Amino acid sequence: MLKIKKFNIYEIAYLTFAFDSLLKVDLFGLRLHIGVVI
């Protein structure tokens, strides 16, 4: 049986940057990536 290991919160924050503009939001006058916010 294939066992999929989980990523920790730091790895998840890192992985989000591979999606770039797909995960960007406007916040306090800045356009920031979700990974940056995390």
Full PDB file with SEQRES, HELIX, SHEET, SSBOND, CRYST1, ORIGX, SCALE, CONECT and MASTER records, all heavy atoms in Angstrom:
SEQRES   1 A   38  MET LEU LYS ILE LYS LYS PHE ASN ILE TYR GLU ILE ALA          
SEQRES   2 A   38  TYR LEU THR PHE ALA PHE ASP SER LEU LEU LYS VAL ASP          
SEQRES   3 A   38  LEU PHE GLY LEU ARG LEU HIS ILE GLY VAL VAL ILE              
HELIX    1 AA1 ILE A    9  THR A   16  1                                   8    
HELIX    2 AA2 PHE A   17  LEU A   23  5                                   7    
HELIX    3 AA3 ILE A   34  VAL A   37  1                                   4    
SHEET    1 AA1 2 LYS A  24  LEU A  27  0                                        
SHEET    2 AA1 2 LEU A  30  HIS A  33 -1                                        
CRYST1    1.000    1.000    1.000  90.00  90.00  90.00 P 1           1          
ORIGX1      1.000000  0.000000  0.000000        0.00000                         
ORIGX2      0.000000  1.000000  0.000000        0.00000                         
ORIGX3      0.000000  0.000000  1.000000        0.00000                         
SCALE1      1.000000  0.000000  0.000000        0.00000                         
SCALE2      0.000000  1.000000  0.000000        0.00000                         
SCALE3      0.000000  0.000000  1.000000        0.00000                         
ATOM      1  N   MET A   1       0.855  -1.203   0.000  1.00  0.00           N  
ATOM      2  CA  MET A   1       0.000   0.000   0.000  1.00  0.00           C  
ATOM      3  C   MET A   1       0.886   1.247   0.000  1.00  0.00           C  
ATOM      4  O   MET A   1       1.845   1.346   0.756  1.00  0.00           O  
ATOM      5  CB  MET A   1      -0.914   0.003   1.233  1.00  0.00           C  
ATOM      6  CG  MET A   1      -1.857   1.195   1.288  1.00  0.00           C  
ATOM      7  SD  MET A   1      -2.945   1.078   2.742  1.00  0.00           S  
ATOM      8  CE  MET A   1      -3.865   2.596   2.548  1.00  0.00           C  
ATOM      9  N   LEU A   2       0.539   2.155  -0.900  1.00  0.00           N  
ATOM     10  CA  LEU A   2       1.309   3.389  -1.014  1.00  0.00           C  
ATOM     11  C   LEU A   2       1.057   4.285   0.188  1.00  0.00           C  
ATOM     12  O   LEU A   2      -0.077   4.582   0.539  1.00  0.00           O  
ATOM     13  CB  LEU A   2       0.915   4.144  -2.291  1.00  0.00           C  
ATOM     14  CG  LEU A   2       1.643   5.467  -2.551  1.00  0.00           C  
ATOM     15  CD1 LEU A   2       3.138   5.212  -2.753  1.00  0.00           C  
ATOM     16  CD2 LEU A   2       1.043   6.174  -3.755  1.00  0.00           C  
ATOM     17  N   LYS A   3       2.133   4.699   0.829  1.00  0.00           N  
ATOM     18  CA  LYS A   3       2.024   5.561   1.996  1.00  0.00           C  
ATOM     19  C   LYS A   3       2.498   6.966   1.648  1.00  0.00           C  
ATOM     20  O   LYS A   3       3.635   7.158   1.240  1.00  0.00           O  
ATOM     21  CB  LYS A   3       2.868   4.998   3.154  1.00  0.00           C  
ATOM     22  CG  LYS A   3       2.719   5.790   4.446  1.00  0.00           C  
ATOM     23  CD  LYS A   3       3.528   5.160   5.567  1.00  0.00           C  
ATOM     24  CE  LYS A   3       3.369   5.954   6.863  1.00  0.00           C  
ATOM     25  NZ  LYS A   3       4.172   5.339   7.966  1.00  0.00           N  
ATOM     26  N   ILE A   4       1.605   7.917   1.765  1.00  0.00           N  
ATOM     27  CA  ILE A   4       1.929   9.304   1.447  1.00  0.00           C  
ATOM     28  C   ILE A   4       2.288  10.044   2.731  1.00  0.00           C  
ATOM     29  O   ILE A   4       1.480  10.140   3.651  1.00  0.00           O  
ATOM     30  CB  ILE A   4       0.739  10.007   0.752  1.00  0.00           C  
ATOM     31  CG1 ILE A   4       0.391   9.272  -0.544  1.00  0.00           C  
ATOM     32  CG2 ILE A   4       1.086  11.460   0.463  1.00  0.00           C  
ATOM     33  CD1 ILE A   4      -0.828   9.836  -1.246  1.00  0.00           C  
ATOM     34  N   LYS A   5       3.497  10.529   2.798  1.00  0.00           N  
ATOM     35  CA  LYS A   5       3.953  11.252   3.978  1.00  0.00           C  
ATOM     36  C   LYS A   5       3.442  12.690   3.936  1.00  0.00           C  
ATOM     37  O   LYS A   5       3.380  13.314   2.884  1.00  0.00           O  
ATOM     38  CB  LYS A   5       5.476  11.241   4.044  1.00  0.00           C  
ATOM     39  CG  LYS A   5       6.077   9.854   4.230  1.00  0.00           C  
ATOM     40  CD  LYS A   5       7.595   9.938   4.305  1.00  0.00           C  
ATOM     41  CE  LYS A   5       8.190   8.552   4.486  1.00  0.00           C  
ATOM     42  NZ  LYS A   5       9.684   8.606   4.544  1.00  0.00           N  
ATOM     43  N   LYS A   6       3.126  13.198   5.087  1.00  0.00           N  
ATOM     44  CA  LYS A   6       2.618  14.559   5.180  1.00  0.00           C  
ATOM     45  C   LYS A   6       3.770  15.555   5.208  1.00  0.00           C  
ATOM     46  O   LYS A   6       4.876  15.243   5.629  1.00  0.00           O  
ATOM     47  CB  LYS A   6       1.766  14.720   6.443  1.00  0.00           C  
ATOM     48  CG  LYS A   6       0.490  13.890   6.442  1.00  0.00           C  
ATOM     49  CD  LYS A   6      -0.289  14.117   7.729  1.00  0.00           C  
ATOM     50  CE  LYS A   6      -1.571  13.296   7.747  1.00  0.00           C  
ATOM     51  NZ  LYS A   6      -2.332  13.491   9.019  1.00  0.00           N  
ATOM     52  N   PHE A   7       3.472  16.769   4.751  1.00  0.00           N  
ATOM     53  CA  PHE A   7       4.431  17.857   4.836  1.00  0.00           C  
ATOM     54  C   PHE A   7       4.129  18.690   6.073  1.00  0.00           C  
ATOM     55  O   PHE A   7       2.952  18.872   6.443  1.00  0.00           O  
ATOM     56  CB  PHE A   7       4.353  18.755   3.593  1.00  0.00           C  
ATOM     57  CG  PHE A   7       4.817  18.077   2.329  1.00  0.00           C  
ATOM     58  CD1 PHE A   7       3.917  17.762   1.321  1.00  0.00           C  
ATOM     59  CD2 PHE A   7       6.149  17.758   2.152  1.00  0.00           C  
ATOM     60  CE1 PHE A   7       4.332  17.152   0.155  1.00  0.00           C  
ATOM     61  CE2 PHE A   7       6.593  17.138   0.989  1.00  0.00           C  
ATOM     62  CZ  PHE A   7       5.685  16.826  -0.012  1.00  0.00           C  
ATOM     63  N   ASN A   8       5.167  19.202   6.717  1.00  0.00           N  
ATOM     64  CA  ASN A   8       4.939  20.068   7.874  1.00  0.00           C  
ATOM     65  C   ASN A   8       4.572  21.471   7.429  1.00  0.00           C  
ATOM     66  O   ASN A   8       4.601  21.792   6.227  1.00  0.00           O  
ATOM     67  CB  ASN A   8       6.175  20.074   8.797  1.00  0.00           C  
ATOM     68  CG  ASN A   8       7.425  20.591   8.094  1.00  0.00           C  
ATOM     69  OD1 ASN A   8       7.409  21.639   7.459  1.00  0.00           O  
ATOM     70  ND2 ASN A   8       8.526  19.851   8.198  1.00  0.00           N  
ATOM     71  N   ILE A   9       4.234  22.343   8.370  1.00  0.00           N  
ATOM     72  CA  ILE A   9       3.749  23.685   8.063  1.00  0.00           C  
ATOM     73  C   ILE A   9       4.790  24.508   7.313  1.00  0.00           C  
ATOM     74  O   ILE A   9       4.464  25.321   6.439  1.00  0.00           O  
ATOM     75  CB  ILE A   9       3.303  24.420   9.364  1.00  0.00           C  
ATOM     76  CG1 ILE A   9       2.692  25.784   9.021  1.00  0.00           C  
ATOM     77  CG2 ILE A   9       4.469  24.557  10.333  1.00  0.00           C  
ATOM     78  CD1 ILE A   9       1.436  25.720   8.207  1.00  0.00           C  
ATOM     79  N   TYR A  10       6.069  24.298   7.626  1.00  0.00           N  
ATOM     80  CA  TYR A  10       7.133  25.050   6.951  1.00  0.00           C  
ATOM     81  C   TYR A  10       7.264  24.595   5.500  1.00  0.00           C  
ATOM     82  O   TYR A  10       7.491  25.418   4.596  1.00  0.00           O  
ATOM     83  CB  TYR A  10       8.461  24.869   7.695  1.00  0.00           C  
ATOM     84  CG  TYR A  10       8.346  25.145   9.171  1.00  0.00           C  
ATOM     85  CD1 TYR A  10       8.481  24.115  10.105  1.00  0.00           C  
ATOM     86  CD2 TYR A  10       8.090  26.437   9.635  1.00  0.00           C  
ATOM     87  CE1 TYR A  10       8.367  24.372  11.461  1.00  0.00           C  
ATOM     88  CE2 TYR A  10       7.964  26.695  10.994  1.00  0.00           C  
ATOM     89  CZ  TYR A  10       8.103  25.658  11.902  1.00  0.00           C  
ATOM     90  OH  TYR A  10       7.984  25.921  13.241  1.00  0.00           O  
ATOM     91  N   GLU A  11       7.131  23.296   5.273  1.00  0.00           N  
ATOM     92  CA  GLU A  11       7.192  22.779   3.908  1.00  0.00           C  
ATOM     93  C   GLU A  11       5.973  23.213   3.102  1.00  0.00           C  
ATOM     94  O   GLU A  11       6.088  23.522   1.913  1.00  0.00           O  
ATOM     95  CB  GLU A  11       7.289  21.254   3.946  1.00  0.00           C  
ATOM     96  CG  GLU A  11       8.612  20.747   4.497  1.00  0.00           C  
ATOM     97  CD  GLU A  11       8.650  19.253   4.663  1.00  0.00           C  
ATOM     98  OE1 GLU A  11       7.592  18.670   5.019  1.00  0.00           O  
ATOM     99  OE2 GLU A  11       9.714  18.654   4.445  1.00  0.00           O  
ATOM    100  N   ILE A  12       4.817  23.260   3.738  1.00  0.00           N  
ATOM    101  CA  ILE A  12       3.605  23.713   3.051  1.00  0.00           C  
ATOM    102  C   ILE A  12       3.747  25.173   2.622  1.00  0.00           C  
ATOM    103  O   ILE A  12       3.398  25.545   1.494  1.00  0.00           O  
ATOM    104  CB  ILE A  12       2.370  23.532   3.959  1.00  0.00           C  
ATOM    105  CG1 ILE A  12       2.069  22.044   4.143  1.00  0.00           C  
ATOM    106  CG2 ILE A  12       1.152  24.247   3.371  1.00  0.00           C  
ATOM    107  CD1 ILE A  12       0.988  21.752   5.161  1.00  0.00           C  
ATOM    108  N   ALA A  13       4.268  26.009   3.527  1.00  0.00           N  
ATOM    109  CA  ALA A  13       4.500  27.421   3.188  1.00  0.00           C  
ATOM    110  C   ALA A  13       5.437  27.525   1.994  1.00  0.00           C  
ATOM    111  O   ALA A  13       5.218  28.323   1.073  1.00  0.00           O  
ATOM    112  CB  ALA A  13       5.073  28.158   4.390  1.00  0.00           C  
ATOM    113  N   TYR A  14       6.494  26.711   1.991  1.00  0.00           N  
ATOM    114  CA  TYR A  14       7.460  26.703   0.886  1.00  0.00           C  
ATOM    115  C   TYR A  14       6.808  26.252  -0.416  1.00  0.00           C  
ATOM    116  O   TYR A  14       6.970  26.875  -1.475  1.00  0.00           O  
ATOM    117  CB  TYR A  14       8.632  25.801   1.279  1.00  0.00           C  
ATOM    118  CG  TYR A  14       9.468  25.265   0.155  1.00  0.00           C  
ATOM    119  CD1 TYR A  14      10.212  26.106  -0.679  1.00  0.00           C  
ATOM    120  CD2 TYR A  14       9.546  23.878  -0.071  1.00  0.00           C  
ATOM    121  CE1 TYR A  14      10.992  25.589  -1.695  1.00  0.00           C  
ATOM    122  CE2 TYR A  14      10.337  23.361  -1.074  1.00  0.00           C  
ATOM    123  CZ  TYR A  14      11.050  24.219  -1.891  1.00  0.00           C  
ATOM    124  OH  TYR A  14      11.828  23.711  -2.898  1.00  0.00           O  
ATOM    125  N   LEU A  15       6.020  25.180  -0.366  1.00  0.00           N  
ATOM    126  CA  LEU A  15       5.408  24.620  -1.568  1.00  0.00           C  
ATOM    127  C   LEU A  15       4.392  25.569  -2.209  1.00  0.00           C  
ATOM    128  O   LEU A  15       4.211  25.549  -3.434  1.00  0.00           O  
ATOM    129  CB  LEU A  15       4.734  23.284  -1.244  1.00  0.00           C  
ATOM    130  CG  LEU A  15       5.673  22.118  -0.915  1.00  0.00           C  
ATOM    131  CD1 LEU A  15       4.880  20.926  -0.408  1.00  0.00           C  
ATOM    132  CD2 LEU A  15       6.495  21.728  -2.132  1.00  0.00           C  
ATOM    133  N   THR A  16       3.748  26.396  -1.406  1.00  0.00           N  
ATOM    134  CA  THR A  16       2.748  27.311  -1.970  1.00  0.00           C  
ATOM    135  C   THR A  16       3.357  28.283  -2.971  1.00  0.00           C  
ATOM    136  O   THR A  16       2.668  28.743  -3.899  1.00  0.00           O  
ATOM    137  CB  THR A  16       2.051  28.120  -0.862  1.00  0.00           C  
ATOM    138  OG1 THR A  16       3.020  28.930  -0.164  1.00  0.00           O  
ATOM    139  CG2 THR A  16       1.316  27.229   0.107  1.00  0.00           C  
ATOM    140  N   PHE A  17       4.643  28.583  -2.832  1.00  0.00           N  
ATOM    141  CA  PHE A  17       5.275  29.554  -3.724  1.00  0.00           C  
ATOM    142  C   PHE A  17       5.411  29.023  -5.148  1.00  0.00           C  
ATOM    143  O   PHE A  17       5.621  29.816  -6.078  1.00  0.00           O  
ATOM    144  CB  PHE A  17       6.648  29.961  -3.176  1.00  0.00           C  
ATOM    145  CG  PHE A  17       6.566  30.901  -2.012  1.00  0.00           C  
ATOM    146  CD1 PHE A  17       6.538  30.407  -0.715  1.00  0.00           C  
ATOM    147  CD2 PHE A  17       6.502  32.274  -2.204  1.00  0.00           C  
ATOM    148  CE1 PHE A  17       6.458  31.264   0.369  1.00  0.00           C  
ATOM    149  CE2 PHE A  17       6.414  33.140  -1.124  1.00  0.00           C  
ATOM    150  CZ  PHE A  17       6.391  32.634   0.176  1.00  0.00           C  
ATOM    151  N   ALA A  18       5.311  27.723  -5.341  1.00  0.00           N  
ATOM    152  CA  ALA A  18       5.366  27.166  -6.698  1.00  0.00           C  
ATOM    153  C   ALA A  18       4.116  27.528  -7.496  1.00  0.00           C  
ATOM    154  O   ALA A  18       4.124  27.451  -8.734  1.00  0.00           O  
ATOM    155  CB  ALA A  18       5.531  25.645  -6.636  1.00  0.00           C  
ATOM    156  N   PHE A  19       3.032  27.925  -6.801  1.00  0.00           N  
ATOM    157  CA  PHE A  19       1.789  28.308  -7.474  1.00  0.00           C  
ATOM    158  C   PHE A  19       1.716  29.811  -7.748  1.00  0.00           C  
ATOM    159  O   PHE A  19       0.808  30.278  -8.420  1.00  0.00           O  
ATOM    160  CB  PHE A  19       0.580  27.887  -6.625  1.00  0.00           C  
ATOM    161  CG  PHE A  19       0.440  26.400  -6.457  1.00  0.00           C  
ATOM    162  CD1 PHE A  19       0.972  25.749  -5.347  1.00  0.00           C  
ATOM    163  CD2 PHE A  19      -0.215  25.645  -7.414  1.00  0.00           C  
ATOM    164  CE1 PHE A  19       0.845  24.378  -5.195  1.00  0.00           C  
ATOM    165  CE2 PHE A  19      -0.354  24.268  -7.263  1.00  0.00           C  
ATOM    166  CZ  PHE A  19       0.180  23.635  -6.152  1.00  0.00           C  
ATOM    167  N   ASP A  20       2.627  30.567  -7.189  1.00  0.00           N  
ATOM    168  CA  ASP A  20       2.785  32.002  -7.389  1.00  0.00           C  
ATOM    169  C   ASP A  20       1.446  32.760  -7.455  1.00  0.00           C  
ATOM    170  O   ASP A  20       0.718  32.794  -6.472  1.00  0.00           O  
ATOM    171  CB  ASP A  20       3.621  32.280  -8.633  1.00  0.00           C  
ATOM    172  CG  ASP A  20       4.151  33.708  -8.654  1.00  0.00           C  
ATOM    173  OD1 ASP A  20       4.899  34.064  -7.726  1.00  0.00           O  
ATOM    174  OD2 ASP A  20       3.789  34.476  -9.557  1.00  0.00           O  
ATOM    175  N   SER A  21       1.121  33.366  -8.598  1.00  0.00           N  
ATOM    176  CA  SER A  21      -0.016  34.297  -8.692  1.00  0.00           C  
ATOM    177  C   SER A  21      -1.357  33.652  -8.398  1.00  0.00           C  
ATOM    178  O   SER A  21      -2.334  34.353  -8.091  1.00  0.00           O  
ATOM    179  CB  SER A  21      -0.058  34.938 -10.083  1.00  0.00           C  
ATOM    180  OG  SER A  21       1.076  35.755 -10.281  1.00  0.00           O  
ATOM    181  N   LEU A  22      -1.439  32.336  -8.501  1.00  0.00           N  
ATOM    182  CA  LEU A  22      -2.687  31.634  -8.179  1.00  0.00           C  
ATOM    183  C   LEU A  22      -3.073  31.840  -6.722  1.00  0.00           C  
ATOM    184  O   LEU A  22      -4.259  31.800  -6.373  1.00  0.00           O  
ATOM    185  CB  LEU A  22      -2.532  30.138  -8.466  1.00  0.00           C  
ATOM    186  CG  LEU A  22      -3.772  29.262  -8.278  1.00  0.00           C  
ATOM    187  CD1 LEU A  22      -4.826  29.606  -9.334  1.00  0.00           C  
ATOM    188  CD2 LEU A  22      -3.398  27.784  -8.372  1.00  0.00           C  
ATOM    189  N   LEU A  23      -2.070  32.106  -5.856  1.00  0.00           N  
ATOM    190  CA  LEU A  23      -2.316  32.220  -4.415  1.00  0.00           C  
ATOM    191  C   LEU A  23      -1.967  33.607  -3.869  1.00  0.00           C  
ATOM    192  O   LEU A  23      -1.593  33.732  -2.714  1.00  0.00           O  
ATOM    193  CB  LEU A  23      -1.511  31.142  -3.668  1.00  0.00           C  
ATOM    194  CG  LEU A  23      -1.851  29.690  -4.013  1.00  0.00           C  
ATOM    195  CD1 LEU A  23      -0.955  28.737  -3.234  1.00  0.00           C  
ATOM    196  CD2 LEU A  23      -3.317  29.389  -3.731  1.00  0.00           C  
ATOM    197  N   LYS A  24      -2.099  34.636  -4.672  1.00  0.00           N  
ATOM    198  CA  LYS A  24      -1.821  35.998  -4.206  1.00  0.00           C  
ATOM    199  C   LYS A  24      -3.118  36.722  -3.860  1.00  0.00           C  
ATOM    200  O   LYS A  24      -4.138  36.572  -4.534  1.00  0.00           O  
ATOM    201  CB  LYS A  24      -1.050  36.795  -5.268  1.00  0.00           C  
ATOM    202  CG  LYS A  24       0.406  36.382  -5.392  1.00  0.00           C  
ATOM    203  CD  LYS A  24       1.150  37.237  -6.411  1.00  0.00           C  
ATOM    204  CE  LYS A  24       2.610  36.824  -6.511  1.00  0.00           C  
ATOM    205  NZ  LYS A  24       3.350  37.588  -7.537  1.00  0.00           N  
ATOM    206  N   VAL A  25      -3.048  37.531  -2.800  1.00  0.00           N  
ATOM    207  CA  VAL A  25      -4.218  38.279  -2.345  1.00  0.00           C  
ATOM    208  C   VAL A  25      -3.810  39.719  -2.048  1.00  0.00           C  
ATOM    209  O   VAL A  25      -2.641  40.008  -1.798  1.00  0.00           O  
ATOM    210  CB  VAL A  25      -4.825  37.657  -1.063  1.00  0.00           C  
ATOM    211  CG1 VAL A  25      -5.361  36.268  -1.351  1.00  0.00           C  
ATOM    212  CG2 VAL A  25      -3.788  37.595   0.049  1.00  0.00           C  
ATOM    213  N   ASP A  26      -4.779  40.630  -2.089  1.00  0.00           N  
ATOM    214  CA  ASP A  26      -4.531  42.024  -1.726  1.00  0.00           C  
ATOM    215  C   ASP A  26      -4.707  42.182  -0.221  1.00  0.00           C  
ATOM    216  O   ASP A  26      -5.753  41.833   0.337  1.00  0.00           O  
ATOM    217  CB  ASP A  26      -5.499  42.948  -2.473  1.00  0.00           C  
ATOM    218  CG  ASP A  26      -5.242  42.947  -3.972  1.00  0.00           C  
ATOM    219  OD1 ASP A  26      -4.056  42.957  -4.361  1.00  0.00           O  
ATOM    220  OD2 ASP A  26      -6.211  42.932  -4.749  1.00  0.00           O  
ATOM    221  N   LEU A  27      -3.682  42.736   0.439  1.00  0.00           N  
ATOM    222  CA  LEU A  27      -3.708  42.855   1.890  1.00  0.00           C  
ATOM    223  C   LEU A  27      -2.993  44.132   2.307  1.00  0.00           C  
ATOM    224  O   LEU A  27      -1.797  44.312   2.029  1.00  0.00           O  
ATOM    225  CB  LEU A  27      -3.027  41.633   2.520  1.00  0.00           C  
ATOM    226  CG  LEU A  27      -3.221  41.403   4.017  1.00  0.00           C  
ATOM    227  CD1 LEU A  27      -4.683  41.104   4.321  1.00  0.00           C  
ATOM    228  CD2 LEU A  27      -2.339  40.244   4.492  1.00  0.00           C  
ATOM    229  N   PHE A  28      -3.731  45.051   2.939  1.00  0.00           N  
ATOM    230  CA  PHE A  28      -3.165  46.307   3.457  1.00  0.00           C  
ATOM    231  C   PHE A  28      -2.438  47.104   2.371  1.00  0.00           C  
ATOM    232  O   PHE A  28      -1.369  47.670   2.597  1.00  0.00           O  
ATOM    233  CB  PHE A  28      -2.204  46.038   4.623  1.00  0.00           C  
ATOM    234  CG  PHE A  28      -2.800  45.262   5.757  1.00  0.00           C  
ATOM    235  CD1 PHE A  28      -2.283  44.033   6.114  1.00  0.00           C  
ATOM    236  CD2 PHE A  28      -3.905  45.760   6.448  1.00  0.00           C  
ATOM    237  CE1 PHE A  28      -2.840  43.314   7.151  1.00  0.00           C  
ATOM    238  CE2 PHE A  28      -4.472  45.052   7.494  1.00  0.00           C  
ATOM    239  CZ  PHE A  28      -3.947  43.828   7.849  1.00  0.00           C  
ATOM    240  N   GLY A  29      -3.015  47.130   1.168  1.00  0.00           N  
ATOM    241  CA  GLY A  29      -2.412  47.896   0.087  1.00  0.00           C  
ATOM    242  C   GLY A  29      -1.298  47.173  -0.640  1.00  0.00           C  
ATOM    243  O   GLY A  29      -0.736  47.713  -1.601  1.00  0.00           O  
ATOM    244  N   LEU A  30      -0.947  45.962  -0.205  1.00  0.00           N  
ATOM    245  CA  LEU A  30       0.084  45.166  -0.849  1.00  0.00           C  
ATOM    246  C   LEU A  30      -0.540  43.919  -1.469  1.00  0.00           C  
ATOM    247  O   LEU A  30      -1.509  43.385  -0.964  1.00  0.00           O  
ATOM    248  CB  LEU A  30       1.155  44.735   0.152  1.00  0.00           C  
ATOM    249  CG  LEU A  30       1.981  45.829   0.830  1.00  0.00           C  
ATOM    250  CD1 LEU A  30       2.853  45.211   1.907  1.00  0.00           C  
ATOM    251  CD2 LEU A  30       2.841  46.568  -0.178  1.00  0.00           C  
ATOM    252  N   ARG A  31       0.026  43.496  -2.580  1.00  0.00           N  
ATOM    253  CA  ARG A  31      -0.412  42.223  -3.162  1.00  0.00           C  
ATOM    254  C   ARG A  31       0.578  41.166  -2.702  1.00  0.00           C  
ATOM    255  O   ARG A  31       1.718  41.119  -3.167  1.00  0.00           O  
ATOM    256  CB  ARG A  31      -0.454  42.308  -4.685  1.00  0.00           C  
ATOM    257  CG  ARG A  31      -1.036  41.050  -5.330  1.00  0.00           C  
ATOM    258  CD  ARG A  31      -1.551  41.297  -6.719  1.00  0.00           C  
ATOM    259  NE  ARG A  31      -2.130  40.109  -7.307  1.00  0.00           N  
ATOM    260  CZ  ARG A  31      -3.350  39.638  -7.035  1.00  0.00           C  
ATOM    261  NH1 ARG A  31      -4.104  40.278  -6.167  1.00  0.00           N  
ATOM    262  NH2 ARG A  31      -3.801  38.557  -7.617  1.00  0.00           N  
ATOM    263  N   LEU A  32       0.128  40.332  -1.776  1.00  0.00           N  
ATOM    264  CA  LEU A  32       1.020  39.368  -1.139  1.00  0.00           C  
ATOM    265  C   LEU A  32       0.612  37.932  -1.437  1.00  0.00           C  
ATOM    266  O   LEU A  32      -0.572  37.635  -1.627  1.00  0.00           O  
ATOM    267  CB  LEU A  32       1.036  39.579   0.377  1.00  0.00           C  
ATOM    268  CG  LEU A  32       1.587  40.912   0.892  1.00  0.00           C  
ATOM    269  CD1 LEU A  32       1.457  40.975   2.401  1.00  0.00           C  
ATOM    270  CD2 LEU A  32       3.035  41.095   0.467  1.00  0.00           C  
ATOM    271  N   HIS A  33       1.584  37.079  -1.450  1.00  0.00           N  
ATOM    272  CA  HIS A  33       1.355  35.655  -1.644  1.00  0.00           C  
ATOM    273  C   HIS A  33       0.905  35.021  -0.323  1.00  0.00           C  
ATOM    274  O   HIS A  33       1.317  35.457   0.753  1.00  0.00           O  
ATOM    275  CB  HIS A  33       2.650  35.000  -2.128  1.00  0.00           C  
ATOM    276  CG  HIS A  33       2.490  33.617  -2.634  1.00  0.00           C  
ATOM    277  ND1 HIS A  33       2.486  32.516  -1.805  1.00  0.00           N  
ATOM    278  CD2 HIS A  33       2.306  33.144  -3.889  1.00  0.00           C  
ATOM    279  CE1 HIS A  33       2.325  31.431  -2.522  1.00  0.00           C  
ATOM    280  NE2 HIS A  33       2.214  31.773  -3.790  1.00  0.00           N  
ATOM    281  N   ILE A  34       0.061  34.005  -0.426  1.00  0.00           N  
ATOM    282  CA  ILE A  34      -0.413  33.300   0.764  1.00  0.00           C  
ATOM    283  C   ILE A  34       0.761  32.761   1.579  1.00  0.00           C  
ATOM    284  O   ILE A  34       0.758  32.795   2.821  1.00  0.00           O  
ATOM    285  CB  ILE A  34      -1.353  32.142   0.371  1.00  0.00           C  
ATOM    286  CG1 ILE A  34      -2.680  32.685  -0.171  1.00  0.00           C  
ATOM    287  CG2 ILE A  34      -1.605  31.226   1.560  1.00  0.00           C  
ATOM    288  CD1 ILE A  34      -3.500  33.457   0.837  1.00  0.00           C  
ATOM    289  N   GLY A  35       1.786  32.278   0.889  1.00  0.00           N  
ATOM    290  CA  GLY A  35       2.969  31.773   1.576  1.00  0.00           C  
ATOM    291  C   GLY A  35       3.668  32.849   2.390  1.00  0.00           C  
ATOM    292  O   GLY A  35       4.151  32.594   3.502  1.00  0.00           O  
ATOM    293  N   VAL A  36       3.720  34.070   1.850  1.00  0.00           N  
ATOM    294  CA  VAL A  36       4.308  35.202   2.577  1.00  0.00           C  
ATOM    295  C   VAL A  36       3.505  35.483   3.840  1.00  0.00           C  
ATOM    296  O   VAL A  36       4.069  35.708   4.915  1.00  0.00           O  
ATOM    297  CB  VAL A  36       4.366  36.458   1.683  1.00  0.00           C  
ATOM    298  CG1 VAL A  36       4.767  37.693   2.492  1.00  0.00           C  
ATOM    299  CG2 VAL A  36       5.350  36.263   0.534  1.00  0.00           C  
ATOM    300  N   VAL A  37       2.190  35.480   3.706  1.00  0.00           N  
ATOM    301  CA  VAL A  37       1.307  35.744   4.853  1.00  0.00           C  
ATOM    302  C   VAL A  37       1.514  34.687   5.940  1.00  0.00           C  
ATOM    303  O   VAL A  37       1.623  35.017   7.132  1.00  0.00           O  
ATOM    304  CB  VAL A  37      -0.171  35.777   4.403  1.00  0.00           C  
ATOM    305  CG1 VAL A  37      -1.088  35.978   5.614  1.00  0.00           C  
ATOM    306  CG2 VAL A  37      -0.395  36.881   3.381  1.00  0.00           C  
ATOM    307  N   ILE A  38       1.591  33.413   5.539  1.00  0.00           N  
ATOM    308  CA  ILE A  38       1.816  32.328   6.501  1.00  0.00           C  
ATOM    309  C   ILE A  38       3.130  32.530   7.246  1.00  0.00           C  
ATOM    310  O   ILE A  38       3.202  32.425   8.477  1.00  0.00           O  
ATOM    311  CB  ILE A  38       1.818  30.959   5.787  1.00  0.00           C  
ATOM    312  CG1 ILE A  38       0.428  30.645   5.224  1.00  0.00           C  
ATOM    313  CG2 ILE A  38       2.266  29.843   6.748  1.00  0.00           C  
ATOM    314  CD1 ILE A  38       0.399  29.403   4.351  1.00  0.00           C  
TER     315      ILE A  38                                                      
MASTER        0    0    0    3    2    0    0    6  314    1    0    3          
END                                                                             
